[in-house]
Amino acid sequence: MTTNPEPELGPAPGAEKHAHAGSAGTNDKSGEPRAEDRSRAGRPGAIGMGEGDAGVGGGGLPRTSTDRDEDRLARVALTWLVEPGNRTVWGLVQQGGAAATLDLLLRGDLPDGRLRAAAAARAAVGDARRFAEAALRRGEKLGARVVVPSDPEWPGRVADLARLELRTGGRVNQDTRPPLCFWVRGGLPLDEAFERSVAVVGARAATGYGTHVAGEMAYALADRGWTVVSGGAFGIDAAAHRGALAAGGRTVTVLACGVERPYPAGNVALFERIVECGLIVSEWPLGAEPLRHRFLIRNRVIAAATAGTVVVEAAARSGATQTMSRVLALSRPALVVPGPVTSAMSVGCHAILRGNPYARLVTSADDVLEEVGRIGEYLSERPRGPDRRRDALDEESALVLEAVPRRGTSTPEELAAAAGLDLRTVLRRLSLLELAGLVVRREDGIALALDAL
């Protein structure tokens, strides 16, 4: 028996340029599958076959082990054919399963011309199923696994992306549906890593102030048992990962490329440490390049998979502010660290606080935990200065004490005039102040005690 050689996992020349062309995946303003697609549900071989769709349970989930293997392979193939988050593809998978959706895309049996063209362009440079098979085999060798919704470790929070609607235009802002699968490196269960997690994101060109705050905050969060999630970039992301690792805690990097080629390459040593203590996660299959638009697609996962997101520094236009738009749309805690008003790296942070009443200003891990924890789980005292004995004085006693000169002495009559009180009241208050150790009586009048200043 002859065997065909395994296809290369990296894209063919020019293939990546076609990959994002179908990310819109819609044929109307709503972005949902057209009624024409849904009407095919009763026809054999069509998406959404219902009772006749052997092996596929509700929501497109497989029933048997063989079906699960086919489902896993089909989901990998679909993320190679079409960019993650595509509304139409996700909807078709929900209706009839990943394997049937893959067949539909490969046949070109789609009313959406843009999606059909994107899938055809990808299919022209390689066989989607053979690619997925080769990717899964290579993933096993590299210690990378594929997690799908039928797996016990699938993170439940990402399902909220099914209801995410953004008012801004553009395919990236419309194709925000849940992932079809995750590639994962690291030993932690994916759902456990995300269960108590906080994202810490921000500018790549971070200032010393920003990296210090991100590192300290991540350290404190990890030290209290929370997973710190970020994107692995230079600047704030790297500082957050390092802070969590320094605390001996868990951290997760969500990439916009294949997990075997973490980006940026300058953080390769950091990524190796993350694999040992946390996870490296991506929706894209092995070999996928870190293209610009993929970072924007990736950000919806960071927003949805975590209990809340903290942005430490962000310029006026940045990926961090885009992530926060998704956090706010999902009604998750959107937490912002303020910065110097003179810093360009804090302009985006201040704009979020000014323009969104639901964004919360935070300055410490305690503030963050109060927002993301369960009600009453983390109650921290508001910051205040040191207690002083004069803080407990009533109003009249405080007026008398203020009237006592810092140097020298005053008579009760002089104090009454200065405080605007009658002499009898002043004499009563002086007795209380003397008992409190704030004033002393001398032969020539009343003076402040040495430790009252």
Protein backbone atom coordinates (compact mmCIF):
# COMPACT_ATOMS: atom_id res chain seq x y z
CA MET A 1 0.00 0.00 0.00
CA THR A 2 1.37 3.38 -0.91
CA THR A 3 1.13 6.34 1.39
CA ASN A 4 0.95 9.96 0.53
CA PRO A 5 3.54 12.24 2.13
CA GLU A 6 2.32 14.45 4.96
CA PRO A 7 1.49 17.99 3.82
CA GLU A 8 3.51 20.85 5.20
CA LEU A 9 1.82 22.49 8.19
CA GLY A 10 2.94 25.96 7.21
CA PRO A 11 0.83 27.86 4.69
CA ALA A 12 1.68 27.74 1.02
CA PRO A 13 3.02 30.95 -0.52
CA GLY A 14 0.25 33.50 -0.54
CA ALA A 15 -2.15 31.27 1.39
CA GLU A 16 -2.21 33.41 4.55
CA LYS A 17 -3.24 36.41 2.47
CA HIS A 18 -6.41 34.58 1.50
CA ALA A 19 -7.14 33.24 4.97
CA HIS A 20 -8.92 36.29 6.33
CA ALA A 21 -10.92 37.05 3.23
CA GLY A 22 -13.80 34.92 4.46
CA SER A 23 -13.92 36.07 8.04
CA ALA A 24 -17.12 37.97 7.40
CA GLY A 25 -19.01 34.78 6.56
CA THR A 26 -22.37 36.54 6.27
CA ASN A 27 -24.73 37.51 3.55
CA ASP A 28 -26.82 40.07 5.40
CA LYS A 29 -26.48 42.71 8.07
CA SER A 30 -27.33 40.37 10.94
CA GLY A 31 -24.42 38.05 10.21
CA GLU A 32 -26.57 34.94 10.87
CA PRO A 33 -27.13 32.14 8.30
CA ARG A 34 -29.78 33.05 5.77
CA ALA A 35 -33.23 31.52 5.90
CA GLU A 36 -32.32 29.68 2.69
CA ASP A 37 -29.58 27.82 4.61
CA ARG A 38 -31.89 26.95 7.47
CA SER A 39 -34.54 25.66 5.12
CA ARG A 40 -32.18 22.87 4.02
CA ALA A 41 -32.36 21.27 7.46
CA GLY A 42 -34.72 18.54 6.32
CA ARG A 43 -32.77 17.45 3.21
CA PRO A 44 -30.32 14.51 3.36
CA GLY A 45 -26.70 15.58 3.34
CA ALA A 46 -27.52 19.13 4.43
CA ILE A 47 -26.43 21.04 7.48
CA GLY A 48 -28.93 20.82 10.33
CA MET A 49 -30.28 17.33 9.54
CA GLY A 50 -31.73 16.93 13.02
CA GLU A 51 -32.79 13.34 13.79
CA GLY A 52 -31.16 12.01 10.63
CA ASP A 53 -27.78 13.45 11.49
CA ALA A 54 -26.20 10.30 12.87
CA GLY A 55 -23.72 10.72 15.67
CA VAL A 56 -24.31 14.42 16.26
CA GLY A 57 -25.97 15.61 19.43
CA GLY A 58 -27.53 18.94 20.33
CA GLY A 59 -25.49 21.99 19.46
CA GLY A 60 -23.46 20.03 16.91
CA LEU A 61 -21.65 17.92 19.55
CA PRO A 62 -20.66 14.32 18.65
CA ARG A 63 -22.06 11.27 20.47
CA THR A 64 -19.58 8.42 19.89
CA SER A 65 -15.78 8.20 20.17
CA THR A 66 -15.46 7.84 16.40
CA ASP A 67 -17.67 10.85 15.89
CA ARG A 68 -15.60 12.78 18.43
CA ASP A 69 -12.42 12.01 16.49
CA GLU A 70 -14.06 13.13 13.26
CA ASP A 71 -15.42 16.22 14.97
CA ARG A 72 -11.99 17.15 16.32
CA LEU A 73 -10.35 16.71 12.92
CA ALA A 74 -13.10 18.70 11.19
CA ARG A 75 -12.78 21.59 13.65
CA VAL A 76 -9.04 21.77 13.03
CA ALA A 77 -9.66 21.71 9.29
CA LEU A 78 -12.30 24.45 9.56
CA THR A 79 -9.95 26.79 11.44
CA TRP A 80 -7.45 26.27 8.63
CA LEU A 81 -10.04 27.04 5.95
CA VAL A 82 -11.73 30.01 7.64
CA GLU A 83 -10.61 32.44 10.34
CA PRO A 84 -11.99 31.73 13.85
CA GLY A 85 -15.12 33.52 15.02
CA ASN A 86 -16.90 33.38 11.66
CA ARG A 87 -20.63 33.74 12.30
CA THR A 88 -21.84 31.57 9.45
CA VAL A 89 -19.41 28.71 10.05
CA TRP A 90 -20.09 28.65 13.78
CA GLY A 91 -23.83 28.69 13.17
CA LEU A 92 -23.61 25.81 10.72
CA VAL A 93 -21.50 23.79 13.15
CA GLN A 94 -24.11 24.38 15.85
CA GLN A 95 -26.86 23.18 13.51
CA GLY A 96 -25.30 20.08 12.01
CA GLY A 97 -21.84 19.46 13.39
CA ALA A 98 -18.29 20.25 12.31
CA ALA A 99 -17.88 17.31 9.88
CA ALA A 100 -21.00 18.22 7.90
CA THR A 101 -19.98 21.88 7.85
CA LEU A 102 -16.55 20.96 6.51
CA ASP A 103 -18.16 18.92 3.72
CA LEU A 104 -20.36 21.88 2.88
CA LEU A 105 -17.43 24.28 2.65
CA LEU A 106 -15.35 21.91 0.54
CA ARG A 107 -18.25 21.40 -1.88
CA GLY A 108 -18.71 25.14 -2.13
CA ASP A 109 -22.40 24.73 -1.33
CA LEU A 110 -22.72 28.13 0.31
CA PRO A 111 -24.84 31.14 -0.62
CA ASP A 112 -22.25 33.49 0.89
CA GLY A 113 -19.92 34.32 -1.97
CA ARG A 114 -17.16 35.76 0.18
CA LEU A 115 -17.01 32.77 2.48
CA ARG A 116 -17.21 30.38 -0.47
CA ALA A 117 -14.31 32.17 -2.19
CA ALA A 118 -12.19 32.15 0.97
CA ALA A 119 -12.70 28.43 1.53
CA ALA A 120 -11.98 27.70 -2.13
CA ALA A 121 -8.76 29.74 -2.03
CA ARG A 122 -7.56 27.78 0.97
CA ALA A 123 -8.61 24.42 -0.48
CA ALA A 124 -6.70 25.23 -3.67
CA VAL A 125 -3.36 25.21 -1.81
CA GLY A 126 -3.89 22.03 0.22
CA ASP A 127 -6.23 19.30 1.36
CA ALA A 128 -7.97 20.49 4.55
CA ARG A 129 -8.46 17.01 6.01
CA ARG A 130 -4.89 15.90 5.31
CA PHE A 131 -3.64 19.12 6.82
CA ALA A 132 -5.69 18.51 9.97
CA GLU A 133 -4.50 14.91 10.24
CA ALA A 134 -0.87 15.97 9.89
CA ALA A 135 -1.35 18.81 12.36
CA LEU A 136 -2.85 16.49 14.96
CA ARG A 137 0.01 14.00 14.57
CA ARG A 138 2.60 16.72 14.84
CA GLY A 139 0.80 18.21 17.81
CA GLU A 140 1.12 14.90 19.68
CA LYS A 141 4.87 14.93 19.08
CA LEU A 142 5.15 18.50 20.33
CA GLY A 143 3.00 17.90 23.40
CA ALA A 144 0.17 20.06 22.07
CA ARG A 145 -3.42 18.89 22.38
CA VAL A 146 -6.63 20.03 20.72
CA VAL A 147 -9.53 20.83 23.06
CA VAL A 148 -13.06 20.90 21.64
CA PRO A 149 -16.45 21.73 23.22
CA SER A 150 -17.22 18.04 23.92
CA ASP A 151 -14.09 17.72 26.09
CA PRO A 152 -14.45 18.02 29.89
CA GLU A 153 -11.80 20.75 30.01
CA TRP A 154 -13.57 23.07 27.55
CA PRO A 155 -13.83 26.56 29.18
CA GLY A 156 -17.51 27.36 29.56
CA ARG A 157 -17.24 31.14 29.63
CA VAL A 158 -16.38 31.42 25.93
CA ALA A 159 -19.95 30.37 25.11
CA ASP A 160 -20.96 33.95 25.94
CA LEU A 161 -19.40 35.00 22.64
CA ALA A 162 -22.51 33.55 20.98
CA ARG A 163 -24.40 36.64 22.15
CA LEU A 164 -21.67 39.22 21.62
CA GLU A 165 -22.84 42.04 19.37
CA LEU A 166 -20.71 45.09 18.62
CA ARG A 167 -22.00 48.30 17.10
CA THR A 168 -18.82 49.07 15.21
CA GLY A 169 -18.41 47.91 11.63
CA GLY A 170 -15.85 45.65 10.00
CA ARG A 171 -15.57 41.88 9.76
CA VAL A 172 -13.39 41.58 12.87
CA ASN A 173 -16.13 43.29 14.89
CA GLN A 174 -18.89 41.16 13.38
CA ASP A 175 -17.29 37.70 13.39
CA THR A 176 -17.05 37.30 17.15
CA ARG A 177 -18.55 33.86 17.67
CA PRO A 178 -17.08 31.24 20.06
CA PRO A 179 -13.99 29.23 19.09
CA LEU A 180 -14.37 25.89 17.35
CA CYS A 181 -11.34 24.46 19.17
CA PHE A 182 -8.23 25.38 21.12
CA TRP A 183 -4.68 24.18 20.66
CA VAL A 184 -3.07 23.90 24.09
CA ARG A 185 0.47 23.40 25.37
CA GLY A 186 0.96 22.79 29.07
CA GLY A 187 -0.28 20.36 31.68
CA LEU A 188 -3.08 22.33 33.37
CA PRO A 189 -6.70 21.55 32.44
CA LEU A 190 -7.92 24.43 30.29
CA ASP A 191 -11.17 24.98 32.18
CA GLU A 192 -9.38 24.98 35.53
CA ALA A 193 -6.86 27.55 34.32
CA PHE A 194 -9.59 29.90 33.15
CA GLU A 195 -12.04 29.32 36.02
CA ARG A 196 -10.46 31.89 38.38
CA SER A 197 -8.59 34.07 35.95
CA VAL A 198 -7.99 37.75 35.31
CA ALA A 199 -6.60 39.20 32.09
CA VAL A 200 -3.90 41.87 32.40
CA VAL A 201 -3.26 43.61 29.09
CA GLY A 202 -1.75 46.83 27.82
CA ALA A 203 0.74 48.58 25.61
CA ARG A 204 3.76 46.95 24.02
CA ALA A 205 5.71 50.21 24.28
CA ALA A 206 5.07 50.32 28.02
CA THR A 207 6.72 52.77 30.38
CA GLY A 208 8.60 51.83 33.53
CA TYR A 209 5.51 52.84 35.50
CA GLY A 210 3.31 50.49 33.47
CA THR A 211 5.55 47.43 33.69
CA HIS A 212 6.01 47.97 37.43
CA VAL A 213 2.26 48.20 38.06
CA ALA A 214 1.47 45.21 35.80
CA GLY A 215 4.15 43.04 37.41
CA GLU A 216 3.15 43.92 40.98
CA MET A 217 -0.55 43.44 40.27
CA ALA A 218 -0.01 40.09 38.51
CA TYR A 219 2.21 38.89 41.36
CA ALA A 220 -0.46 39.70 43.93
CA LEU A 221 -3.25 38.10 41.89
CA ALA A 222 -1.26 34.90 41.30
CA ASP A 223 -0.20 34.81 44.94
CA ARG A 224 -3.88 34.68 45.90
CA GLY A 225 -4.65 31.76 43.59
CA TRP A 226 -5.82 33.56 40.45
CA THR A 227 -4.57 32.75 36.95
CA VAL A 228 -3.12 35.71 35.07
CA VAL A 229 -4.03 35.72 31.37
CA SER A 230 -2.38 37.87 28.72
CA GLY A 231 -1.20 37.85 25.12
CA GLY A 232 2.53 37.23 25.47
CA ALA A 233 3.59 40.49 23.79
CA PHE A 234 6.41 42.76 24.89
CA GLY A 235 5.61 45.42 27.48
CA ILE A 236 2.60 45.00 29.76
CA ASP A 237 1.79 41.43 28.66
CA ALA A 238 5.28 40.14 29.39
CA ALA A 239 5.40 42.01 32.72
CA ALA A 240 2.11 40.39 33.77
CA HIS A 241 3.32 36.89 32.85
CA ARG A 242 6.61 37.41 34.68
CA GLY A 243 4.85 38.75 37.77
CA ALA A 244 2.64 35.66 37.98
CA LEU A 245 5.60 33.33 37.48
CA ALA A 246 7.60 35.15 40.16
CA ALA A 247 4.78 34.43 42.61
CA GLY A 248 4.87 30.74 41.72
CA GLY A 249 1.39 31.06 40.25
CA ARG A 250 -0.32 30.17 37.01
CA THR A 251 -0.37 32.21 33.82
CA VAL A 252 -1.90 31.64 30.39
CA THR A 253 -0.76 33.10 27.08
CA VAL A 254 -3.43 33.38 24.37
CA LEU A 255 -1.67 33.58 21.00
CA ALA A 256 -2.69 34.78 17.54
CA CYS A 257 -0.60 32.11 15.79
CA GLY A 258 0.35 28.45 16.12
CA VAL A 259 1.31 27.28 19.61
CA GLU A 260 4.55 25.75 18.31
CA ARG A 261 5.81 29.16 17.16
CA PRO A 262 4.95 31.62 19.96
CA TYR A 263 5.19 35.28 18.98
CA PRO A 264 7.19 37.41 19.58
CA ALA A 265 10.32 35.28 19.24
CA GLY A 266 12.11 37.59 21.67
CA ASN A 267 9.98 36.15 24.48
CA VAL A 268 10.81 32.52 23.71
CA ALA A 269 12.44 31.94 27.12
CA LEU A 270 9.36 33.39 28.81
CA PHE A 271 7.09 31.11 26.79
CA GLU A 272 9.06 28.04 27.84
CA ARG A 273 8.58 28.99 31.48
CA ILE A 274 4.86 29.52 30.88
CA VAL A 275 4.50 26.01 29.39
CA GLU A 276 6.06 24.57 32.56
CA CYS A 277 3.79 26.46 34.98
CA GLY A 278 0.76 27.40 32.91
CA LEU A 279 -0.60 27.17 29.38
CA ILE A 280 -0.03 28.46 25.87
CA VAL A 281 -3.32 28.56 23.98
CA SER A 282 -4.40 29.39 20.42
CA GLU A 283 -7.39 28.93 18.14
CA TRP A 284 -5.13 28.68 15.10
CA PRO A 285 -3.58 25.39 13.97
CA LEU A 286 0.12 24.63 13.92
CA GLY A 287 1.99 26.68 11.34
CA ALA A 288 -0.37 29.67 11.47
CA GLU A 289 1.42 33.01 11.18
CA PRO A 290 0.85 35.95 13.57
CA LEU A 291 -0.94 38.17 11.07
CA ARG A 292 -2.14 41.59 12.21
CA HIS A 293 -5.87 40.92 12.03
CA ARG A 294 -5.49 37.73 14.06
CA PHE A 295 -4.52 39.68 17.17
CA LEU A 296 -7.84 41.50 16.94
CA ILE A 297 -9.71 38.19 16.52
CA ARG A 298 -7.77 36.70 19.45
CA ASN A 299 -8.74 39.52 21.81
CA ARG A 300 -12.36 38.37 22.04
CA VAL A 301 -11.15 35.11 23.67
CA ILE A 302 -9.14 36.98 26.30
CA ALA A 303 -12.23 39.07 27.07
CA ALA A 304 -14.63 36.12 27.24
CA ALA A 305 -12.57 33.39 28.92
CA THR A 306 -11.61 35.43 31.99
CA ALA A 307 -13.59 36.75 34.96
CA GLY A 308 -12.46 40.31 34.24
CA THR A 309 -9.84 42.32 32.37
CA VAL A 310 -7.38 44.93 33.60
CA VAL A 311 -5.77 47.36 31.17
CA VAL A 312 -2.65 48.98 32.60
CA GLU A 313 -1.40 51.20 29.79
CA ALA A 314 -2.93 51.84 26.37
CA ALA A 315 -2.37 54.43 23.68
CA ALA A 316 -5.27 56.24 22.02
CA ARG A 317 -5.67 53.44 19.46
CA SER A 318 -4.50 50.06 20.67
CA GLY A 319 -5.39 46.41 20.87
CA ALA A 320 -5.97 46.80 24.61
CA THR A 321 -8.76 49.32 24.08
CA GLN A 322 -10.26 47.00 21.45
CA THR A 323 -10.18 44.15 23.99
CA MET A 324 -11.97 46.37 26.49
CA SER A 325 -14.77 47.05 24.01
CA ARG A 326 -15.45 43.31 24.01
CA VAL A 327 -15.20 43.10 27.81
CA LEU A 328 -17.78 45.86 28.18
CA ALA A 329 -20.08 44.33 25.54
CA LEU A 330 -19.98 41.04 27.47
CA SER A 331 -20.82 42.87 30.72
CA ARG A 332 -17.63 41.60 32.35
CA PRO A 333 -15.63 43.69 34.83
CA ALA A 334 -13.66 46.26 32.80
CA LEU A 335 -10.89 47.50 35.07
CA VAL A 336 -8.54 50.35 34.23
CA VAL A 337 -5.33 51.53 35.88
CA PRO A 338 -4.94 55.31 35.53
CA GLY A 339 -1.61 56.86 34.59
CA PRO A 340 0.06 60.25 34.37
CA VAL A 341 -1.99 62.74 32.36
CA THR A 342 1.21 63.63 30.50
CA SER A 343 1.81 60.07 29.28
CA ALA A 344 0.74 59.05 25.76
CA MET A 345 0.61 55.46 27.01
CA SER A 346 -2.27 56.31 29.36
CA VAL A 347 -4.45 58.24 26.90
CA GLY A 348 -6.43 55.10 26.01
CA CYS A 349 -6.94 54.19 29.68
CA HIS A 350 -8.30 57.62 30.52
CA ALA A 351 -10.56 57.57 27.46
CA ILE A 352 -12.08 54.25 28.59
CA LEU A 353 -12.77 55.64 32.06
CA ARG A 354 -14.20 58.86 30.70
CA GLY A 355 -16.39 57.27 28.04
CA ASN A 356 -17.73 54.17 29.82
CA PRO A 357 -19.66 54.48 33.09
CA TYR A 358 -19.27 50.73 33.70
CA ALA A 359 -15.46 50.83 33.56
CA ARG A 360 -13.91 50.85 37.01
CA LEU A 361 -10.71 52.52 38.14
CA VAL A 362 -8.35 50.18 40.00
CA THR A 363 -4.97 50.80 41.57
CA SER A 364 -4.18 47.48 43.25
CA ALA A 365 -4.87 43.76 43.19
CA ASP A 366 -7.27 44.26 46.10
CA ASP A 367 -9.37 46.56 43.92
CA VAL A 368 -9.34 43.97 41.14
CA LEU A 369 -10.35 41.07 43.37
CA GLU A 370 -13.19 43.08 44.87
CA GLU A 371 -14.62 43.41 41.34
CA VAL A 372 -14.04 39.87 40.01
CA GLY A 373 -14.51 37.81 43.17
CA ARG A 374 -17.77 36.54 44.59
CA ILE A 375 -19.85 39.01 46.57
CA GLY A 376 -18.24 39.48 49.97
CA GLU A 377 -15.25 37.27 49.13
CA TYR A 378 -12.77 40.12 48.94
CA LEU A 379 -13.60 43.16 51.03
CA SER A 380 -10.72 45.57 51.42
CA GLU A 381 -10.58 48.71 53.52
CA ARG A 382 -10.37 51.97 51.66
CA PRO A 383 -6.87 53.48 51.82
CA ARG A 384 -6.47 56.17 54.46
CA GLY A 385 -3.71 57.96 56.26
CA PRO A 386 -2.47 57.11 59.77
CA ASP A 387 -4.90 57.61 62.63
CA ARG A 388 -4.25 60.65 64.82
CA ARG A 389 -5.67 61.42 68.26
CA ARG A 390 -7.23 64.65 67.04
CA ASP A 391 -9.29 62.73 64.42
CA ALA A 392 -11.74 61.63 67.13
CA LEU A 393 -12.38 65.15 68.49
CA ASP A 394 -15.79 66.71 68.36
CA GLU A 395 -16.20 69.97 66.47
CA GLU A 396 -15.89 72.33 69.46
CA SER A 397 -12.81 70.57 70.83
CA ALA A 398 -11.20 70.73 67.40
CA LEU A 399 -11.89 74.49 67.22
CA VAL A 400 -10.28 75.05 70.61
CA LEU A 401 -7.25 72.94 69.71
CA GLU A 402 -6.82 74.85 66.45
CA ALA A 403 -6.85 78.11 68.39
CA VAL A 404 -3.91 77.06 70.60
CA PRO A 405 -0.73 78.63 69.14
CA ARG A 406 2.03 76.33 67.91
CA ARG A 407 4.51 78.31 69.96
CA GLY A 408 3.95 79.96 73.30
CA THR A 409 0.75 80.00 75.30
CA SER A 410 -2.72 81.53 75.29
CA THR A 411 -5.19 82.25 78.04
CA PRO A 412 -8.66 80.66 78.00
CA GLU A 413 -10.09 84.08 77.18
CA GLU A 414 -7.81 84.42 74.14
CA LEU A 415 -8.73 80.93 73.00
CA ALA A 416 -12.46 81.71 73.32
CA ALA A 417 -12.04 84.76 71.12
CA ALA A 418 -9.99 82.88 68.52
CA ALA A 419 -12.33 79.85 68.44
CA GLY A 420 -15.54 81.90 68.45
CA LEU A 421 -16.88 80.05 71.48
CA ASP A 422 -18.03 81.18 74.93
CA LEU A 423 -15.54 80.91 77.78
CA ARG A 424 -17.49 78.23 79.66
CA THR A 425 -17.44 75.93 76.62
CA VAL A 426 -13.72 76.56 76.09
CA LEU A 427 -12.92 75.65 79.70
CA ARG A 428 -14.86 72.36 79.40
CA ARG A 429 -13.12 71.49 76.12
CA LEU A 430 -9.69 72.36 77.53
CA SER A 431 -10.23 69.79 80.28
CA LEU A 432 -10.99 67.11 77.68
CA LEU A 433 -8.00 68.13 75.57
CA GLU A 434 -5.74 67.97 78.60
CA LEU A 435 -6.98 64.46 79.45
CA ALA A 436 -6.29 63.43 75.83
CA GLY A 437 -2.72 64.67 76.18
CA LEU A 438 -3.11 67.29 73.45
CA VAL A 439 -2.61 70.42 75.60
CA VAL A 440 -0.80 71.25 78.81
CA ARG A 441 -1.45 73.95 81.42
CA ARG A 442 1.40 76.27 82.28
CA GLU A 443 1.66 79.18 84.68
CA ASP A 444 1.21 81.67 81.84
CA GLY A 445 -1.57 79.84 79.95
CA ILE A 446 -2.39 76.90 77.69
CA ALA A 447 0.17 75.34 75.33
CA LEU A 448 0.18 72.48 72.84
CA ALA A 449 1.64 69.19 74.04
CA LEU A 450 4.87 68.24 72.29
CA ASP A 451 3.34 65.20 70.54
CA ALA A 452 0.17 67.02 69.50
CA LEU A 453 1.79 68.66 66.47
